[in-house]
Amino acid sequence: MTNDQVHLNTPQLRVPQWIDAHGNPSRPLELADLGDDFKVIFCFQHGCPGGHSHGFPTLKAMVEGLSGQGFGFAAVQTVFTAAEINTFDRLRETQRRYGLAIPFGHDPAVDRYPSLMADFETRGTPWFIVFDPLGEVLHSDFRLDDELLLRDFGRAGEVSQAE
């Protein structure tokens, strides 16, 4: 599949600020940058308790179990409240805290909501968006069953499970 085969009805990412997998500032990410297969975007806020108790452990289990298996990952800080603590400067701190060598984006509110929340109609954090290889949204919700996903892709026994 080539990158120009992504479905036209899937919005492009408009997240303005990013760091790469090593914490360096990078150009804005596009969905195609996450590979030609399945893509997972995890939305979070730095101060969200659910993001730290459930979201990031789930994301980490999936990254460990599915990277190299046709999955690309990114995390996006969707800033719809508490802009004073949900800053671009906190991305690297969060990336290191969870040992996640994936791109992290910072999406501040424009008008009322960040672009990702508006474009994909998310309703808060933590939030998972899973895309199929054609760019269609397969899953968009507060929770994602990482055990089921890992089992479906045959990797459940090889990674530690999120609690």
N, C-alpha and C. Protein backbone atom coordinates (compact mmCIF):
# COMPACT_ATOMS: atom_id res chain seq x y z
N MET A 1 0.83 -1.17 0.00
CA MET A 1 0.00 0.00 0.00
C MET A 1 0.88 1.24 0.00
N THR A 2 0.51 2.21 -0.77
CA THR A 2 1.23 3.47 -0.76
C THR A 2 0.47 4.46 0.11
N ASN A 3 1.17 5.48 0.54
CA ASN A 3 0.55 6.45 1.44
C ASN A 3 -0.62 7.20 0.81
N ASP A 4 -0.70 7.28 -0.52
CA ASP A 4 -1.80 8.00 -1.15
C ASP A 4 -3.08 7.17 -1.20
N GLN A 5 -3.07 5.96 -0.64
CA GLN A 5 -4.26 5.13 -0.62
C GLN A 5 -5.09 5.31 0.66
N VAL A 6 -4.67 6.19 1.55
CA VAL A 6 -5.43 6.44 2.77
C VAL A 6 -6.78 7.03 2.37
N HIS A 7 -7.84 6.58 3.00
CA HIS A 7 -9.18 7.05 2.67
C HIS A 7 -9.30 8.56 2.83
N LEU A 8 -9.99 9.17 1.90
CA LEU A 8 -10.15 10.62 1.92
C LEU A 8 -11.03 11.11 3.05
N ASN A 9 -11.89 10.23 3.60
CA ASN A 9 -12.79 10.69 4.66
C ASN A 9 -12.13 10.66 6.04
N THR A 10 -10.90 10.22 6.14
CA THR A 10 -10.17 10.26 7.40
C THR A 10 -9.45 11.60 7.49
N PRO A 11 -9.76 12.41 8.51
CA PRO A 11 -9.08 13.72 8.62
C PRO A 11 -7.57 13.54 8.80
N GLN A 12 -6.82 14.46 8.26
CA GLN A 12 -5.38 14.47 8.50
C GLN A 12 -5.12 15.05 9.89
N LEU A 13 -4.02 14.68 10.47
CA LEU A 13 -3.66 15.23 11.78
C LEU A 13 -3.27 16.69 11.62
N ARG A 14 -3.76 17.51 12.54
CA ARG A 14 -3.42 18.94 12.54
C ARG A 14 -2.72 19.34 13.84
N VAL A 15 -2.15 18.36 14.53
CA VAL A 15 -1.45 18.61 15.79
C VAL A 15 -0.18 19.40 15.46
N PRO A 16 -0.01 20.60 16.03
CA PRO A 16 1.07 21.48 15.56
C PRO A 16 2.48 21.21 16.10
N GLN A 17 2.61 20.64 17.30
CA GLN A 17 3.94 20.47 17.89
C GLN A 17 4.18 19.00 18.23
N TRP A 18 5.41 18.54 17.92
CA TRP A 18 5.76 17.14 18.14
C TRP A 18 7.19 17.00 18.64
N ILE A 19 7.41 15.91 19.36
CA ILE A 19 8.77 15.42 19.61
C ILE A 19 8.83 14.02 19.02
N ASP A 20 10.02 13.64 18.57
CA ASP A 20 10.16 12.32 17.97
C ASP A 20 10.37 11.26 19.06
N ALA A 21 10.65 10.06 18.66
CA ALA A 21 10.81 8.94 19.59
C ALA A 21 11.97 9.14 20.57
N HIS A 22 12.88 10.07 20.26
CA HIS A 22 14.04 10.33 21.11
C HIS A 22 13.90 11.63 21.89
N GLY A 23 12.73 12.29 21.78
CA GLY A 23 12.48 13.50 22.53
C GLY A 23 12.90 14.78 21.85
N ASN A 24 13.32 14.70 20.60
CA ASN A 24 13.73 15.89 19.87
C ASN A 24 12.54 16.53 19.16
N PRO A 25 12.46 17.87 19.15
CA PRO A 25 11.38 18.51 18.41
C PRO A 25 11.40 18.05 16.95
N SER A 26 10.23 17.84 16.39
CA SER A 26 10.15 17.35 15.02
C SER A 26 9.02 18.05 14.27
N ARG A 27 8.99 17.83 12.98
CA ARG A 27 7.94 18.42 12.15
C ARG A 27 6.60 17.78 12.52
N PRO A 28 5.49 18.42 12.17
CA PRO A 28 4.19 17.82 12.45
C PRO A 28 4.05 16.45 11.81
N LEU A 29 3.48 15.54 12.56
CA LEU A 29 3.30 14.16 12.14
C LEU A 29 2.04 14.02 11.30
N GLU A 30 2.10 13.14 10.32
CA GLU A 30 0.92 12.76 9.53
C GLU A 30 0.63 11.31 9.83
N LEU A 31 -0.60 10.88 9.63
CA LEU A 31 -0.96 9.47 9.86
C LEU A 31 -0.04 8.54 9.08
N ALA A 32 0.30 8.90 7.86
CA ALA A 32 1.16 8.06 7.03
C ALA A 32 2.54 7.84 7.65
N ASP A 33 2.98 8.77 8.50
CA ASP A 33 4.28 8.62 9.16
C ASP A 33 4.30 7.46 10.14
N LEU A 34 3.13 6.98 10.53
CA LEU A 34 3.04 5.86 11.48
C LEU A 34 3.07 4.51 10.78
N GLY A 35 3.28 4.51 9.47
CA GLY A 35 3.40 3.26 8.73
C GLY A 35 2.20 2.99 7.85
N ASP A 36 2.29 1.88 7.15
CA ASP A 36 1.26 1.49 6.19
C ASP A 36 0.20 0.58 6.76
N ASP A 37 0.36 0.15 8.00
CA ASP A 37 -0.58 -0.81 8.57
C ASP A 37 -1.45 -0.15 9.64
N PHE A 38 -1.68 -0.82 10.73
CA PHE A 38 -2.52 -0.31 11.80
C PHE A 38 -1.81 0.83 12.54
N LYS A 39 -2.61 1.78 13.02
CA LYS A 39 -2.07 2.92 13.75
C LYS A 39 -2.89 3.12 15.03
N VAL A 40 -2.22 3.48 16.10
CA VAL A 40 -2.88 3.77 17.37
C VAL A 40 -2.43 5.14 17.84
N ILE A 41 -3.42 6.00 18.10
CA ILE A 41 -3.12 7.31 18.69
C ILE A 41 -3.75 7.32 20.08
N PHE A 42 -2.93 7.63 21.05
CA PHE A 42 -3.38 7.72 22.44
C PHE A 42 -3.43 9.18 22.82
N CYS A 43 -4.59 9.64 23.26
CA CYS A 43 -4.79 11.03 23.70
C CYS A 43 -4.74 11.08 25.22
N PHE A 44 -4.05 12.08 25.75
CA PHE A 44 -3.89 12.19 27.19
C PHE A 44 -3.78 13.65 27.59
N GLN A 45 -3.91 13.89 28.88
CA GLN A 45 -3.55 15.15 29.50
C GLN A 45 -2.58 14.83 30.64
N HIS A 46 -1.61 15.69 30.84
CA HIS A 46 -0.57 15.43 31.83
C HIS A 46 -1.13 15.16 33.22
N GLY A 47 -2.18 15.87 33.60
CA GLY A 47 -2.72 15.73 34.95
C GLY A 47 -3.89 14.78 35.07
N CYS A 48 -4.19 14.01 34.04
CA CYS A 48 -5.35 13.11 34.06
C CYS A 48 -5.01 11.82 34.81
N PRO A 49 -5.65 11.56 35.95
CA PRO A 49 -5.35 10.34 36.71
C PRO A 49 -5.61 9.06 35.90
N GLY A 50 -6.69 9.03 35.11
CA GLY A 50 -6.99 7.84 34.32
C GLY A 50 -5.94 7.56 33.26
N GLY A 51 -5.33 8.60 32.75
CA GLY A 51 -4.26 8.42 31.77
C GLY A 51 -3.07 7.71 32.37
N HIS A 52 -2.76 8.04 33.63
CA HIS A 52 -1.60 7.43 34.28
C HIS A 52 -1.93 6.07 34.89
N SER A 53 -3.14 5.88 35.39
CA SER A 53 -3.47 4.60 36.03
C SER A 53 -3.85 3.52 35.02
N HIS A 54 -4.46 3.91 33.90
CA HIS A 54 -4.90 2.92 32.92
C HIS A 54 -4.34 3.17 31.52
N GLY A 55 -4.45 4.40 31.05
CA GLY A 55 -4.10 4.70 29.66
C GLY A 55 -2.67 4.39 29.29
N PHE A 56 -1.73 4.98 30.01
CA PHE A 56 -0.32 4.75 29.67
C PHE A 56 0.11 3.30 29.87
N PRO A 57 -0.31 2.61 30.94
CA PRO A 57 0.05 1.19 31.03
C PRO A 57 -0.51 0.37 29.85
N THR A 58 -1.72 0.69 29.40
CA THR A 58 -2.29 0.00 28.25
C THR A 58 -1.48 0.30 27.00
N LEU A 59 -1.16 1.57 26.79
CA LEU A 59 -0.36 1.95 25.63
C LEU A 59 1.00 1.26 25.67
N LYS A 60 1.65 1.26 26.81
CA LYS A 60 2.98 0.64 26.92
C LYS A 60 2.92 -0.85 26.59
N ALA A 61 1.90 -1.56 27.10
CA ALA A 61 1.76 -2.99 26.79
C ALA A 61 1.58 -3.20 25.28
N MET A 62 0.81 -2.34 24.64
CA MET A 62 0.60 -2.48 23.20
C MET A 62 1.86 -2.16 22.41
N VAL A 63 2.57 -1.11 22.79
CA VAL A 63 3.81 -0.76 22.10
C VAL A 63 4.81 -1.90 22.22
N GLU A 64 4.95 -2.45 23.43
CA GLU A 64 5.89 -3.56 23.63
C GLU A 64 5.48 -4.80 22.86
N GLY A 65 4.19 -5.06 22.77
CA GLY A 65 3.72 -6.28 22.14
C GLY A 65 3.47 -6.21 20.66
N LEU A 66 3.22 -5.02 20.13
CA LEU A 66 2.78 -4.92 18.74
C LEU A 66 3.69 -4.11 17.83
N SER A 67 4.67 -3.42 18.38
CA SER A 67 5.63 -2.73 17.51
C SER A 67 6.35 -3.78 16.68
N GLY A 68 6.51 -3.49 15.42
CA GLY A 68 7.13 -4.45 14.52
C GLY A 68 6.16 -5.51 14.03
N GLN A 69 4.90 -5.42 14.43
CA GLN A 69 3.87 -6.37 14.02
C GLN A 69 2.80 -5.67 13.17
N GLY A 70 3.17 -4.60 12.51
CA GLY A 70 2.22 -3.88 11.68
C GLY A 70 1.47 -2.79 12.40
N PHE A 71 1.97 -2.32 13.53
CA PHE A 71 1.33 -1.24 14.28
C PHE A 71 2.28 -0.06 14.42
N GLY A 72 1.76 1.13 14.26
CA GLY A 72 2.49 2.36 14.53
C GLY A 72 1.77 3.11 15.64
N PHE A 73 2.51 3.80 16.49
CA PHE A 73 1.95 4.43 17.68
C PHE A 73 2.37 5.89 17.80
N ALA A 74 1.48 6.69 18.37
CA ALA A 74 1.79 8.07 18.75
C ALA A 74 0.92 8.42 19.95
N ALA A 75 1.41 9.35 20.76
CA ALA A 75 0.64 9.86 21.89
C ALA A 75 0.47 11.36 21.68
N VAL A 76 -0.74 11.86 21.96
CA VAL A 76 -1.02 13.28 21.76
C VAL A 76 -1.63 13.85 23.03
N GLN A 77 -0.99 14.90 23.53
CA GLN A 77 -1.51 15.64 24.68
C GLN A 77 -2.57 16.61 24.15
N THR A 78 -3.83 16.26 24.37
CA THR A 78 -4.94 17.09 23.91
C THR A 78 -5.32 18.04 25.04
N VAL A 79 -5.00 19.31 24.87
CA VAL A 79 -5.13 20.29 25.94
C VAL A 79 -6.48 20.99 25.86
N PHE A 80 -7.43 20.48 26.63
CA PHE A 80 -8.74 21.12 26.69
C PHE A 80 -9.03 21.69 28.07
N THR A 81 -8.19 21.38 29.05
CA THR A 81 -8.25 21.99 30.38
C THR A 81 -6.81 22.09 30.90
N ALA A 82 -6.62 22.86 31.94
CA ALA A 82 -5.35 22.95 32.65
C ALA A 82 -4.15 23.17 31.72
N ALA A 83 -4.27 24.18 30.86
CA ALA A 83 -3.20 24.49 29.91
C ALA A 83 -1.88 24.80 30.60
N GLU A 84 -1.94 25.26 31.85
CA GLU A 84 -0.71 25.61 32.56
C GLU A 84 0.13 24.39 32.93
N ILE A 85 -0.47 23.21 33.01
CA ILE A 85 0.34 21.99 33.28
C ILE A 85 0.44 21.08 32.07
N ASN A 86 -0.44 21.24 31.11
CA ASN A 86 -0.40 20.45 29.88
C ASN A 86 0.39 21.20 28.81
N THR A 87 1.69 21.31 29.04
CA THR A 87 2.54 22.11 28.16
C THR A 87 3.39 21.23 27.26
N PHE A 88 3.87 21.84 26.19
CA PHE A 88 4.78 21.14 25.27
C PHE A 88 6.00 20.63 26.02
N ASP A 89 6.51 21.41 26.96
CA ASP A 89 7.71 21.03 27.72
C ASP A 89 7.52 19.76 28.55
N ARG A 90 6.29 19.38 28.85
CA ARG A 90 6.03 18.18 29.66
C ARG A 90 6.05 16.89 28.83
N LEU A 91 6.02 17.02 27.50
CA LEU A 91 5.97 15.82 26.65
C LEU A 91 7.15 14.89 26.92
N ARG A 92 8.36 15.43 26.92
CA ARG A 92 9.54 14.59 27.11
C ARG A 92 9.52 13.92 28.48
N GLU A 93 9.09 14.65 29.49
CA GLU A 93 8.96 14.09 30.84
C GLU A 93 8.05 12.86 30.83
N THR A 94 6.91 12.97 30.17
CA THR A 94 5.95 11.86 30.12
C THR A 94 6.50 10.72 29.26
N GLN A 95 7.13 11.05 28.16
CA GLN A 95 7.72 10.04 27.29
C GLN A 95 8.75 9.21 28.06
N ARG A 96 9.59 9.87 28.83
CA ARG A 96 10.61 9.17 29.63
C ARG A 96 9.98 8.37 30.77
N ARG A 97 8.99 8.95 31.43
CA ARG A 97 8.35 8.29 32.58
C ARG A 97 7.87 6.89 32.21
N TYR A 98 7.34 6.75 31.01
CA TYR A 98 6.80 5.46 30.59
C TYR A 98 7.71 4.69 29.65
N GLY A 99 8.88 5.22 29.36
CA GLY A 99 9.83 4.54 28.50
C GLY A 99 9.27 4.27 27.11
N LEU A 100 8.55 5.24 26.57
CA LEU A 100 7.89 5.08 25.27
C LEU A 100 8.67 5.78 24.17
N ALA A 101 9.32 5.02 23.32
CA ALA A 101 10.07 5.57 22.19
C ALA A 101 9.15 5.69 20.98
N ILE A 102 8.15 6.58 21.14
CA ILE A 102 7.19 6.86 20.08
C ILE A 102 7.03 8.38 19.99
N PRO A 103 6.52 8.90 18.89
CA PRO A 103 6.29 10.34 18.80
C PRO A 103 5.22 10.79 19.79
N PHE A 104 5.42 11.99 20.34
CA PHE A 104 4.46 12.63 21.23
C PHE A 104 4.11 14.00 20.65
N GLY A 105 2.81 14.30 20.61
CA GLY A 105 2.36 15.58 20.09
C GLY A 105 1.69 16.43 21.15
N HIS A 106 1.68 17.72 20.91
CA HIS A 106 1.03 18.70 21.79
C HIS A 106 -0.02 19.43 20.96
N ASP A 107 -1.28 19.28 21.36
CA ASP A 107 -2.40 19.83 20.60
C ASP A 107 -3.22 20.77 21.49
N PRO A 108 -2.84 22.07 21.51
CA PRO A 108 -3.58 23.02 22.34
C PRO A 108 -4.94 23.34 21.75
N ALA A 109 -5.83 23.79 22.60
CA ALA A 109 -7.18 24.15 22.17
C ALA A 109 -7.14 25.33 21.21
N VAL A 110 -7.92 25.20 20.16
CA VAL A 110 -8.18 26.30 19.25
C VAL A 110 -9.68 26.53 19.37
N ASP A 111 -10.07 27.72 19.75
CA ASP A 111 -11.44 27.97 20.15
C ASP A 111 -11.69 27.15 21.42
N ARG A 112 -12.52 26.12 21.34
CA ARG A 112 -12.85 25.36 22.55
C ARG A 112 -12.07 24.05 22.69
N TYR A 113 -11.75 23.39 21.57
CA TYR A 113 -11.15 22.06 21.63
C TYR A 113 -9.87 21.97 20.80
N PRO A 114 -8.98 21.05 21.16
CA PRO A 114 -7.83 20.77 20.32
C PRO A 114 -8.29 20.17 18.98
N SER A 115 -7.46 20.30 17.96
CA SER A 115 -7.85 19.84 16.62
C SER A 115 -8.18 18.36 16.58
N LEU A 116 -7.41 17.54 17.28
CA LEU A 116 -7.65 16.10 17.24
C LEU A 116 -9.00 15.75 17.86
N MET A 117 -9.34 16.41 18.94
CA MET A 117 -10.65 16.17 19.57
C MET A 117 -11.78 16.58 18.64
N ALA A 118 -11.62 17.71 17.97
CA ALA A 118 -12.66 18.18 17.06
C ALA A 118 -12.77 17.28 15.82
N ASP A 119 -11.63 16.93 15.25
CA ASP A 119 -11.63 16.16 14.00
C ASP A 119 -12.11 14.73 14.18
N PHE A 120 -11.77 14.11 15.32
CA PHE A 120 -12.12 12.71 15.53
C PHE A 120 -13.21 12.53 16.59
N GLU A 121 -13.78 13.63 17.04
CA GLU A 121 -14.91 13.62 17.97
C GLU A 121 -14.65 12.81 19.23
N THR A 122 -13.45 13.01 19.79
CA THR A 122 -13.15 12.37 21.06
C THR A 122 -13.84 13.15 22.16
N ARG A 123 -13.98 12.53 23.32
CA ARG A 123 -14.76 13.15 24.39
C ARG A 123 -13.98 13.34 25.68
N GLY A 124 -12.68 13.25 25.63
CA GLY A 124 -11.89 13.44 26.84
C GLY A 124 -10.61 12.64 26.80
N THR A 125 -10.07 12.37 27.97
CA THR A 125 -8.86 11.56 28.09
C THR A 125 -9.00 10.64 29.29
N PRO A 126 -8.28 9.53 29.28
CA PRO A 126 -7.49 9.00 28.17
C PRO A 126 -8.40 8.51 27.04
N TRP A 127 -7.90 8.55 25.83
CA TRP A 127 -8.70 8.18 24.66
C TRP A 127 -7.81 7.46 23.66
N PHE A 128 -8.30 6.36 23.12
CA PHE A 128 -7.57 5.59 22.11
C PHE A 128 -8.30 5.67 20.78
N ILE A 129 -7.54 5.93 19.72
CA ILE A 129 -8.07 5.87 18.35
C ILE A 129 -7.22 4.84 17.60
N VAL A 130 -7.87 3.82 17.04
CA VAL A 130 -7.17 2.79 16.28
C VAL A 130 -7.64 2.88 14.83
N PHE A 131 -6.67 2.94 13.92
CA PHE A 131 -6.95 3.02 12.49
C PHE A 131 -6.54 1.72 11.80
N ASP A 132 -7.30 1.31 10.81
CA ASP A 132 -6.91 0.15 10.01
C ASP A 132 -5.89 0.61 8.94
N PRO A 133 -5.34 -0.32 8.16
CA PRO A 133 -4.33 0.06 7.17
C PRO A 133 -4.82 1.07 6.12
N LEU A 134 -6.11 1.17 5.90
CA LEU A 134 -6.63 2.15 4.94
C LEU A 134 -6.95 3.50 5.58
N GLY A 135 -6.72 3.61 6.89
CA GLY A 135 -6.96 4.86 7.59
C GLY A 135 -8.34 5.01 8.18
N GLU A 136 -9.15 3.99 8.10
CA GLU A 136 -10.49 4.03 8.70
C GLU A 136 -10.38 3.82 10.20
N VAL A 137 -11.20 4.53 10.96
CA VAL A 137 -11.20 4.38 12.42
C VAL A 137 -11.91 3.07 12.78
N LEU A 138 -11.18 2.18 13.46
CA LEU A 138 -11.73 0.91 13.93
C LEU A 138 -12.27 1.01 15.35
N HIS A 139 -11.64 1.87 16.15
CA HIS A 139 -11.98 1.98 17.57
C HIS A 139 -11.69 3.42 18.00
N SER A 140 -12.60 4.00 18.77
CA SER A 140 -12.40 5.33 19.31
C SER A 140 -13.18 5.41 20.62
N ASP A 141 -12.44 5.35 21.75
CA ASP A 141 -13.12 5.31 23.04
C ASP A 141 -12.12 5.56 24.17
N PHE A 142 -12.68 5.72 25.38
CA PHE A 142 -11.86 5.93 26.57
C PHE A 142 -10.98 4.73 26.88
N ARG A 143 -11.45 3.54 26.64
CA ARG A 143 -10.71 2.34 27.01
C ARG A 143 -10.45 1.49 25.79
N LEU A 144 -9.40 0.72 25.88
CA LEU A 144 -9.05 -0.24 24.84
C LEU A 144 -8.59 -1.50 25.56
N ASP A 145 -9.12 -2.62 25.16
CA ASP A 145 -8.74 -3.89 25.77
C ASP A 145 -7.45 -4.39 25.14
N ASP A 146 -6.32 -4.02 25.77
CA ASP A 146 -5.02 -4.40 25.22
C ASP A 146 -4.82 -5.91 25.22
N GLU A 147 -5.36 -6.61 26.20
CA GLU A 147 -5.21 -8.07 26.24
C GLU A 147 -5.89 -8.71 25.04
N LEU A 148 -7.07 -8.25 24.71
CA LEU A 148 -7.79 -8.78 23.55
C LEU A 148 -7.05 -8.46 22.26
N LEU A 149 -6.58 -7.23 22.13
CA LEU A 149 -5.84 -6.85 20.94
C LEU A 149 -4.55 -7.65 20.80
N LEU A 150 -3.83 -7.80 21.88
CA LEU A 150 -2.60 -8.58 21.84
C LEU A 150 -2.88 -10.05 21.53
N ARG A 151 -3.95 -10.59 22.10
CA ARG A 151 -4.32 -11.98 21.82
C ARG A 151 -4.70 -12.15 20.35
N ASP A 152 -5.48 -11.21 19.82
CA ASP A 152 -5.90 -11.29 18.43
C ASP A 152 -4.73 -11.25 17.47
N PHE A 153 -3.65 -10.58 17.87
CA PHE A 153 -2.47 -10.52 17.03
C PHE A 153 -1.39 -11.50 17.47
N GLY A 154 -1.74 -12.43 18.38
CA GLY A 154 -0.86 -13.54 18.72
C GLY A 154 0.34 -13.19 19.56
N ARG A 155 0.28 -12.13 20.35
CA ARG A 155 1.45 -11.71 21.12
C ARG A 155 1.18 -11.63 22.62
N ALA A 156 0.04 -12.04 23.09
CA ALA A 156 -0.34 -11.82 24.47
C ALA A 156 0.63 -12.45 25.46
N GLY A 157 1.16 -13.63 25.19
CA GLY A 157 2.04 -14.30 26.12
C GLY A 157 3.43 -13.73 26.15
N GLU A 158 3.75 -12.82 25.23
CA GLU A 158 5.13 -12.33 25.13
C GLU A 158 5.35 -10.99 25.78
N VAL A 159 4.31 -10.36 26.31
CA VAL A 159 4.49 -9.04 26.93
C VAL A 159 3.83 -9.01 28.29
N SER A 160 4.26 -8.07 29.11
CA SER A 160 3.59 -7.88 30.38
C SER A 160 2.28 -7.18 30.13
N GLN A 161 1.24 -7.58 30.84
CA GLN A 161 -0.08 -7.01 30.65
C GLN A 161 -0.24 -5.74 31.46
N ALA A 162 -1.01 -4.81 30.93
CA ALA A 162 -1.32 -3.58 31.67
C ALA A 162 -2.26 -3.94 32.81
N GLU A 163 -2.11 -3.23 33.91
CA GLU A 163 -2.98 -3.51 35.05
C GLU A 163 -4.17 -2.62 35.03
